[in-house]
Amino acid sequence: MEHKINRYIRGHMMTMTIIILISFILLFLGEFFLYRKIMYLNQIISEGFMQIKEAAKSKPLPTIFMKK
């Protein structure tokens, strides 16, 4: 009887260990893809801000040179 209980516990511990490892791997993959999406979004926002900054720069007024 005790042998069956030990085998049952050992089998379920292995199952729980595998489930926990798979869940951590899935969490890692989710975080990795989320990080990549955030970096891509930050790049797009940064490019947009640079375009706004370039458009907002005041352009020099044309000057008239008088020839002598």
PDB file of N, CA and C in Angstrom:
ATOM      1  N   MET A   1       0.830  -1.200   0.000  1.00  0.00           N
ATOM      2  CA  MET A   1       0.000   0.000   0.000  1.00  0.00           C
ATOM      3  C   MET A   1       0.871   1.258   0.000  1.00  0.00           C
ATOM      4  N   GLU A   2       1.883   1.239   0.846  1.00  0.00           N
ATOM      5  CA  GLU A   2       2.760   2.400   0.944  1.00  0.00           C
ATOM      6  C   GLU A   2       3.533   2.608  -0.363  1.00  0.00           C
ATOM      7  N   HIS A   3       3.861   1.525  -1.029  1.00  0.00           N
ATOM      8  CA  HIS A   3       4.566   1.611  -2.306  1.00  0.00           C
ATOM      9  C   HIS A   3       3.677   2.293  -3.358  1.00  0.00           C
ATOM     10  N   LYS A   4       2.397   1.960  -3.372  1.00  0.00           N
ATOM     11  CA  LYS A   4       1.463   2.578  -4.323  1.00  0.00           C
ATOM     12  C   LYS A   4       1.307   4.073  -4.046  1.00  0.00           C
ATOM     13  N   ILE A   5       1.262   4.429  -2.780  1.00  0.00           N
ATOM     14  CA  ILE A   5       1.129   5.845  -2.411  1.00  0.00           C
ATOM     15  C   ILE A   5       2.364   6.621  -2.848  1.00  0.00           C
ATOM     16  N   ASN A   6       3.543   6.045  -2.608  1.00  0.00           N
ATOM     17  CA  ASN A   6       4.781   6.709  -3.029  1.00  0.00           C
ATOM     18  C   ASN A   6       4.834   6.873  -4.546  1.00  0.00           C
ATOM     19  N   ARG A   7       4.439   5.838  -5.286  1.00  0.00           N
ATOM     20  CA  ARG A   7       4.436   5.914  -6.743  1.00  0.00           C
ATOM     21  C   ARG A   7       3.419   6.955  -7.226  1.00  0.00           C
ATOM     22  N   TYR A   8       2.262   7.023  -6.590  1.00  0.00           N
ATOM     23  CA  TYR A   8       1.228   7.999  -6.945  1.00  0.00           C
ATOM     24  C   TYR A   8       1.739   9.426  -6.727  1.00  0.00           C
ATOM     25  N   ILE A   9       2.364   9.661  -5.571  1.00  0.00           N
ATOM     26  CA  ILE A   9       2.890  10.996  -5.259  1.00  0.00           C
ATOM     27  C   ILE A   9       4.019  11.356  -6.215  1.00  0.00           C
ATOM     28  N   ARG A  10       4.926  10.420  -6.478  1.00  0.00           N
ATOM     29  CA  ARG A  10       6.049  10.680  -7.377  1.00  0.00           C
ATOM     30  C   ARG A  10       5.545  10.992  -8.790  1.00  0.00           C
ATOM     31  N   GLY A  11       4.562  10.263  -9.264  1.00  0.00           N
ATOM     32  CA  GLY A  11       3.999  10.495 -10.597  1.00  0.00           C
ATOM     33  C   GLY A  11       3.329  11.852 -10.701  1.00  0.00           C
ATOM     34  N   HIS A  12       2.589  12.231  -9.681  1.00  0.00           N
ATOM     35  CA  HIS A  12       1.914  13.521  -9.712  1.00  0.00           C
ATOM     36  C   HIS A  12       2.885  14.680  -9.498  1.00  0.00           C
ATOM     37  N   MET A  13       3.951  14.453  -8.745  1.00  0.00           N
ATOM     38  CA  MET A  13       4.955  15.510  -8.597  1.00  0.00           C
ATOM     39  C   MET A  13       5.614  15.791  -9.940  1.00  0.00           C
ATOM     40  N   MET A  14       5.879  14.739 -10.712  1.00  0.00           N
ATOM     41  CA  MET A  14       6.470  14.920 -12.031  1.00  0.00           C
ATOM     42  C   MET A  14       5.496  15.660 -12.943  1.00  0.00           C
ATOM     43  N   THR A  15       4.232  15.311 -12.890  1.00  0.00           N
ATOM     44  CA  THR A  15       3.221  15.990 -13.705  1.00  0.00           C
ATOM     45  C   THR A  15       3.128  17.463 -13.331  1.00  0.00           C
ATOM     46  N   MET A  16       3.102  17.754 -12.044  1.00  0.00           N
ATOM     47  CA  MET A  16       3.015  19.147 -11.600  1.00  0.00           C
ATOM     48  C   MET A  16       4.278  19.920 -11.981  1.00  0.00           C
ATOM     49  N   THR A  17       5.441  19.280 -11.903  1.00  0.00           N
ATOM     50  CA  THR A  17       6.687  19.939 -12.297  1.00  0.00           C
ATOM     51  C   THR A  17       6.655  20.291 -13.778  1.00  0.00           C
ATOM     52  N   ILE A  18       6.186  19.373 -14.604  1.00  0.00           N
ATOM     53  CA  ILE A  18       6.091  19.629 -16.044  1.00  0.00           C
ATOM     54  C   ILE A  18       5.107  20.756 -16.320  1.00  0.00           C
ATOM     55  N   ILE A  19       3.967  20.754 -15.651  1.00  0.00           N
ATOM     56  CA  ILE A  19       2.963  21.813 -15.848  1.00  0.00           C
ATOM     57  C   ILE A  19       3.531  23.167 -15.445  1.00  0.00           C
ATOM     58  N   ILE A  20       4.239  23.223 -14.334  1.00  0.00           N
ATOM     59  CA  ILE A  20       4.830  24.488 -13.874  1.00  0.00           C
ATOM     60  C   ILE A  20       5.893  24.971 -14.850  1.00  0.00           C
ATOM     61  N   LEU A  21       6.749  24.076 -15.343  1.00  0.00           N
ATOM     62  CA  LEU A  21       7.775  24.466 -16.316  1.00  0.00           C
ATOM     63  C   LEU A  21       7.152  24.983 -17.609  1.00  0.00           C
ATOM     64  N   ILE A  22       6.115  24.307 -18.097  1.00  0.00           N
ATOM     65  CA  ILE A  22       5.438  24.760 -19.321  1.00  0.00           C
ATOM     66  C   ILE A  22       4.796  26.119 -19.102  1.00  0.00           C
ATOM     67  N   SER A  23       4.207  26.334 -17.925  1.00  0.00           N
ATOM     68  CA  SER A  23       3.583  27.637 -17.666  1.00  0.00           C
ATOM     69  C   SER A  23       4.627  28.749 -17.622  1.00  0.00           C
ATOM     70  N   PHE A  24       5.795  28.491 -17.039  1.00  0.00           N
ATOM     71  CA  PHE A  24       6.854  29.504 -17.030  1.00  0.00           C
ATOM     72  C   PHE A  24       7.378  29.782 -18.436  1.00  0.00           C
ATOM     73  N   ILE A  25       7.490  28.748 -19.252  1.00  0.00           N
ATOM     74  CA  ILE A  25       7.928  28.945 -20.636  1.00  0.00           C
ATOM     75  C   ILE A  25       6.913  29.790 -21.396  1.00  0.00           C
ATOM     76  N   LEU A  26       5.623  29.519 -21.203  1.00  0.00           N
ATOM     77  CA  LEU A  26       4.586  30.318 -21.864  1.00  0.00           C
ATOM     78  C   LEU A  26       4.604  31.763 -21.380  1.00  0.00           C
ATOM     79  N   LEU A  27       4.813  31.969 -20.087  1.00  0.00           N
ATOM     80  CA  LEU A  27       4.918  33.329 -19.565  1.00  0.00           C
ATOM     81  C   LEU A  27       6.119  34.056 -20.162  1.00  0.00           C
ATOM     82  N   PHE A  28       7.251  33.371 -20.269  1.00  0.00           N
ATOM     83  CA  PHE A  28       8.441  33.972 -20.860  1.00  0.00           C
ATOM     84  C   PHE A  28       8.191  34.355 -22.312  1.00  0.00           C
ATOM     85  N   LEU A  29       7.581  33.467 -23.079  1.00  0.00           N
ATOM     86  CA  LEU A  29       7.301  33.773 -24.482  1.00  0.00           C
ATOM     87  C   LEU A  29       6.342  34.950 -24.611  1.00  0.00           C
ATOM     88  N   GLY A  30       5.330  35.002 -23.754  1.00  0.00           N
ATOM     89  CA  GLY A  30       4.397  36.127 -23.779  1.00  0.00           C
ATOM     90  C   GLY A  30       5.088  37.439 -23.465  1.00  0.00           C
ATOM     91  N   GLU A  31       5.943  37.441 -22.462  1.00  0.00           N
ATOM     92  CA  GLU A  31       6.684  38.657 -22.114  1.00  0.00           C
ATOM     93  C   GLU A  31       7.618  39.075 -23.242  1.00  0.00           C
ATOM     94  N   PHE A  32       8.253  38.102 -23.894  1.00  0.00           N
ATOM     95  CA  PHE A  32       9.171  38.402 -24.988  1.00  0.00           C
ATOM     96  C   PHE A  32       8.435  39.059 -26.154  1.00  0.00           C
ATOM     97  N   PHE A  33       7.299  38.486 -26.551  1.00  0.00           N
ATOM     98  CA  PHE A  33       6.549  39.063 -27.665  1.00  0.00           C
ATOM     99  C   PHE A  33       5.955  40.415 -27.289  1.00  0.00           C
ATOM    100  N   LEU A  34       5.525  40.571 -26.041  1.00  0.00           N
ATOM    101  CA  LEU A  34       5.013  41.858 -25.589  1.00  0.00           C
ATOM    102  C   LEU A  34       6.117  42.906 -25.608  1.00  0.00           C
ATOM    103  N   TYR A  35       7.316  42.550 -25.185  1.00  0.00           N
ATOM    104  CA  TYR A  35       8.460  43.465 -25.210  1.00  0.00           C
ATOM    105  C   TYR A  35       8.765  43.899 -26.640  1.00  0.00           C
ATOM    106  N   ARG A  36       8.739  42.949 -27.578  1.00  0.00           N
ATOM    107  CA  ARG A  36       8.996  43.293 -28.981  1.00  0.00           C
ATOM    108  C   ARG A  36       7.937  44.246 -29.518  1.00  0.00           C
ATOM    109  N   LYS A  37       6.670  44.016 -29.179  1.00  0.00           N
ATOM    110  CA  LYS A  37       5.600  44.903 -29.644  1.00  0.00           C
ATOM    111  C   LYS A  37       5.769  46.301 -29.055  1.00  0.00           C
ATOM    112  N   ILE A  38       6.137  46.391 -27.784  1.00  0.00           N
ATOM    113  CA  ILE A  38       6.324  47.689 -27.142  1.00  0.00           C
ATOM    114  C   ILE A  38       7.496  48.428 -27.777  1.00  0.00           C
ATOM    115  N   MET A  39       8.587  47.726 -28.073  1.00  0.00           N
ATOM    116  CA  MET A  39       9.735  48.371 -28.721  1.00  0.00           C
ATOM    117  C   MET A  39       9.359  48.883 -30.106  1.00  0.00           C
ATOM    118  N   TYR A  40       8.568  48.117 -30.857  1.00  0.00           N
ATOM    119  CA  TYR A  40       8.127  48.545 -32.184  1.00  0.00           C
ATOM    120  C   TYR A  40       7.229  49.775 -32.066  1.00  0.00           C
ATOM    121  N   LEU A  41       6.320  49.772 -31.100  1.00  0.00           N
ATOM    122  CA  LEU A  41       5.433  50.909 -30.888  1.00  0.00           C
ATOM    123  C   LEU A  41       6.223  52.143 -30.475  1.00  0.00           C
ATOM    124  N   ASN A  42       7.211  51.991 -29.612  1.00  0.00           N
ATOM    125  CA  ASN A  42       8.056  53.121 -29.209  1.00  0.00           C
ATOM    126  C   ASN A  42       8.823  53.681 -30.394  1.00  0.00           C
ATOM    127  N   GLN A  43       9.267  52.821 -31.289  1.00  0.00           N
ATOM    128  CA  GLN A  43       9.982  53.280 -32.479  1.00  0.00           C
ATOM    129  C   GLN A  43       9.059  54.106 -33.375  1.00  0.00           C
ATOM    130  N   ILE A  44       7.830  53.647 -33.566  1.00  0.00           N
ATOM    131  CA  ILE A  44       6.873  54.387 -34.391  1.00  0.00           C
ATOM    132  C   ILE A  44       6.570  55.745 -33.767  1.00  0.00           C
ATOM    133  N   ILE A  45       6.356  55.776 -32.459  1.00  0.00           N
ATOM    134  CA  ILE A  45       6.061  57.032 -31.769  1.00  0.00           C
ATOM    135  C   ILE A  45       7.247  57.978 -31.862  1.00  0.00           C
ATOM    136  N   SER A  46       8.458  57.459 -31.693  1.00  0.00           N
ATOM    137  CA  SER A  46       9.656  58.289 -31.786  1.00  0.00           C
ATOM    138  C   SER A  46       9.797  58.891 -33.181  1.00  0.00           C
ATOM    139  N   GLU A  47       9.545  58.097 -34.213  1.00  0.00           N
ATOM    140  CA  GLU A  47       9.619  58.618 -35.575  1.00  0.00           C
ATOM    141  C   GLU A  47       8.564  59.698 -35.802  1.00  0.00           C
ATOM    142  N   GLY A  48       7.377  59.508 -35.244  1.00  0.00           N
ATOM    143  CA  GLY A  48       6.332  60.520 -35.366  1.00  0.00           C
ATOM    144  C   GLY A  48       6.726  61.821 -34.701  1.00  0.00           C
ATOM    145  N   PHE A  49       7.310  61.714 -33.500  1.00  0.00           N
ATOM    146  CA  PHE A  49       7.758  62.925 -32.809  1.00  0.00           C
ATOM    147  C   PHE A  49       8.858  63.639 -33.581  1.00  0.00           C
ATOM    148  N   MET A  50       9.756  62.871 -34.189  1.00  0.00           N
ATOM    149  CA  MET A  50      10.821  63.490 -34.981  1.00  0.00           C
ATOM    150  C   MET A  50      10.241  64.222 -36.192  1.00  0.00           C
ATOM    151  N   GLN A  51       9.220  63.660 -36.823  1.00  0.00           N
ATOM    152  CA  GLN A  51       8.585  64.324 -37.960  1.00  0.00           C
ATOM    153  C   GLN A  51       7.898  65.605 -37.516  1.00  0.00           C
ATOM    154  N   ILE A  52       7.239  65.560 -36.369  1.00  0.00           N
ATOM    155  CA  ILE A  52       6.584  66.768 -35.846  1.00  0.00           C
ATOM    156  C   ILE A  52       7.636  67.817 -35.521  1.00  0.00           C
ATOM    157  N   LYS A  53       8.747  67.400 -34.925  1.00  0.00           N
ATOM    158  CA  LYS A  53       9.820  68.328 -34.567  1.00  0.00           C
ATOM    159  C   LYS A  53      10.409  68.971 -35.817  1.00  0.00           C
ATOM    160  N   GLU A  54      10.625  68.185 -36.862  1.00  0.00           N
ATOM    161  CA  GLU A  54      11.171  68.726 -38.105  1.00  0.00           C
ATOM    162  C   GLU A  54      10.190  69.701 -38.748  1.00  0.00           C
ATOM    163  N   ALA A  55       8.908  69.410 -38.689  1.00  0.00           N
ATOM    164  CA  ALA A  55       7.904  70.286 -39.293  1.00  0.00           C
ATOM    165  C   ALA A  55       7.746  71.573 -38.494  1.00  0.00           C
ATOM    166  N   ALA A  56       7.998  71.512 -37.194  1.00  0.00           N
ATOM    167  CA  ALA A  56       7.802  72.681 -36.338  1.00  0.00           C
ATOM    168  C   ALA A  56       8.988  73.635 -36.376  1.00  0.00           C
ATOM    169  N   LYS A  57      10.123  73.177 -36.883  1.00  0.00           N
ATOM    170  CA  LYS A  57      11.280  74.070 -36.950  1.00  0.00           C
ATOM    171  C   LYS A  57      10.942  75.238 -37.870  1.00  0.00           C
ATOM    172  N   SER A  58      11.277  76.431 -37.403  1.00  0.00           N
ATOM    173  CA  SER A  58      10.984  77.599 -38.238  1.00  0.00           C
ATOM    174  C   SER A  58      11.983  77.661 -39.380  1.00  0.00           C
ATOM    175  N   LYS A  59      11.460  77.856 -40.550  1.00  0.00           N
ATOM    176  CA  LYS A  59      12.318  77.934 -41.721  1.00  0.00           C
ATOM    177  C   LYS A  59      12.817  79.363 -41.851  1.00  0.00           C
ATOM    178  N   PRO A  60      14.061  79.550 -42.229  1.00  0.00           N
ATOM    179  CA  PRO A  60      14.599  80.915 -42.330  1.00  0.00           C
ATOM    180  C   PRO A  60      13.873  81.704 -43.423  1.00  0.00           C
ATOM    181  N   LEU A  61      13.670  82.972 -43.125  1.00  0.00           N
ATOM    182  CA  LEU A  61      13.016  83.843 -44.099  1.00  0.00           C
ATOM    183  C   LEU A  61      13.990  84.155 -45.231  1.00  0.00           C
ATOM    184  N   PRO A  62      13.487  84.220 -46.435  1.00  0.00           N
ATOM    185  CA  PRO A  62      14.396  84.541 -47.544  1.00  0.00           C
ATOM    186  C   PRO A  62      14.902  85.973 -47.418  1.00  0.00           C
ATOM    187  N   THR A  63      16.175  86.145 -47.689  1.00  0.00           N
ATOM    188  CA  THR A  63      16.772  87.479 -47.604  1.00  0.00           C
ATOM    189  C   THR A  63      17.023  88.006 -49.009  1.00  0.00           C
ATOM    190  N   ILE A  64      16.969  89.285 -49.115  1.00  0.00           N
ATOM    191  CA  ILE A  64      17.201  89.925 -50.407  1.00  0.00           C
ATOM    192  C   ILE A  64      18.566  90.584 -50.357  1.00  0.00           C
ATOM    193  N   PHE A  65      19.419  90.197 -51.279  1.00  0.00           N
ATOM    194  CA  PHE A  65      20.747  90.800 -51.369  1.00  0.00           C
ATOM    195  C   PHE A  65      20.708  91.872 -52.453  1.00  0.00           C
ATOM    196  N   MET A  66      21.211  93.020 -52.116  1.00  0.00           N
ATOM    197  CA  MET A  66      21.258  94.107 -53.096  1.00  0.00           C
ATOM    198  C   MET A  66      22.620  94.094 -53.769  1.00  0.00           C
ATOM    199  N   LYS A  67      22.599  94.063 -55.061  1.00  0.00           N
ATOM    200  CA  LYS A  67      23.854  94.091 -55.811  1.00  0.00           C
ATOM    201  C   LYS A  67      24.272  95.525 -56.030  1.00  0.00           C
ATOM    202  N   LYS A  68      25.521  95.801 -55.869  1.00  0.00           N
ATOM    203  CA  LYS A  68      26.036  97.155 -56.077  1.00  0.00           C
ATOM    204  C   LYS A  68      26.655  97.296 -57.428  1.00  0.00           C
TER     205      LYS A  68
END
